[in-house]
């Protein structure tokens, strides 16, 4: 099947609504979310991960 015509996958939070990728301030994928579960998912991360691209990490992060 052509990738352009694949059906939209549904969120795995249990809502089964259309999902999209949640990325951090560096553009690194964190999770799939939809509008109503995004706050719950983001609460599992430190707040600066989504606002400060220079956030502290204890593992190497390669720049693109």
Protein backbone atom coordinates (compact mmCIF):
# COMPACT_ATOMS: atom_id res chain seq x y z
CA UNK A 1 0.00 0.00 0.00
CA UNK A 2 1.26 3.47 -0.87
CA UNK A 3 2.40 5.35 2.27
CA UNK A 4 0.48 8.45 1.17
CA UNK A 5 -2.80 6.58 1.38
CA UNK A 6 -2.37 4.64 4.61
CA UNK A 7 -5.16 5.17 7.12
CA UNK A 8 -4.43 7.43 10.10
CA UNK A 9 -3.52 5.34 13.12
CA UNK A 10 -5.49 5.82 16.30
CA UNK A 11 -4.16 6.92 19.70
CA UNK A 12 -3.17 4.08 22.00
CA UNK A 13 -4.44 5.84 25.16
CA UNK A 14 -7.74 4.04 24.77
CA UNK A 15 -9.66 6.80 23.01
CA UNK A 16 -8.95 5.42 19.54
CA UNK A 17 -9.06 8.98 18.17
CA UNK A 18 -6.69 10.21 15.46
CA UNK A 19 -3.21 10.64 16.89
CA UNK A 20 -0.16 12.74 16.11
CA UNK A 21 3.46 12.72 17.23
CA UNK A 22 4.49 14.61 20.36
CA UNK A 23 8.08 15.80 20.08
CA UNK A 24 10.30 17.56 22.60
CA UNK A 25 11.99 20.95 22.17
CA UNK A 26 14.78 19.25 20.20
CA UNK A 27 12.35 17.58 17.82
CA UNK A 28 12.82 14.13 19.38
CA UNK A 29 9.76 11.88 19.31
CA UNK A 30 8.22 11.26 22.75
CA UNK A 31 4.81 9.65 22.18
CA UNK A 32 1.68 9.53 20.10
CA UNK A 33 -1.10 11.72 21.50
CA UNK A 34 -4.38 13.40 20.62
CA UNK A 35 -5.72 16.72 21.89
CA UNK A 36 -7.37 15.40 25.06
CA UNK A 37 -4.54 13.13 26.30
CA UNK A 38 -1.57 15.42 25.54
CA UNK A 39 -1.47 16.96 29.05
CA UNK A 40 -1.53 13.54 30.71
CA UNK A 41 1.30 12.29 28.50
CA UNK A 42 3.38 15.47 28.93
CA UNK A 43 3.05 15.18 32.71
CA UNK A 44 5.27 12.09 32.55
CA UNK A 45 8.17 14.28 31.38
CA UNK A 46 10.02 17.20 32.95
CA UNK A 47 8.39 20.48 31.74
CA UNK A 48 11.62 21.91 30.32
CA UNK A 49 11.83 19.01 27.86
CA UNK A 50 9.12 20.74 25.80
CA UNK A 51 10.27 24.35 26.25
CA UNK A 52 14.10 24.38 26.43
CA UNK A 53 16.07 22.75 23.59
CA UNK A 54 19.15 22.86 25.82
CA UNK A 55 17.59 20.76 28.62
CA UNK A 56 19.86 18.51 30.71
CA UNK A 57 20.18 14.86 29.72
CA UNK A 58 22.45 12.10 30.96
CA UNK A 59 22.75 10.42 27.56
CA UNK A 60 24.31 11.76 24.37
CA UNK A 61 21.95 13.50 21.96
CA UNK A 62 23.21 13.84 18.39
CA UNK A 63 22.31 16.95 16.43
CA UNK A 64 20.81 16.39 12.97
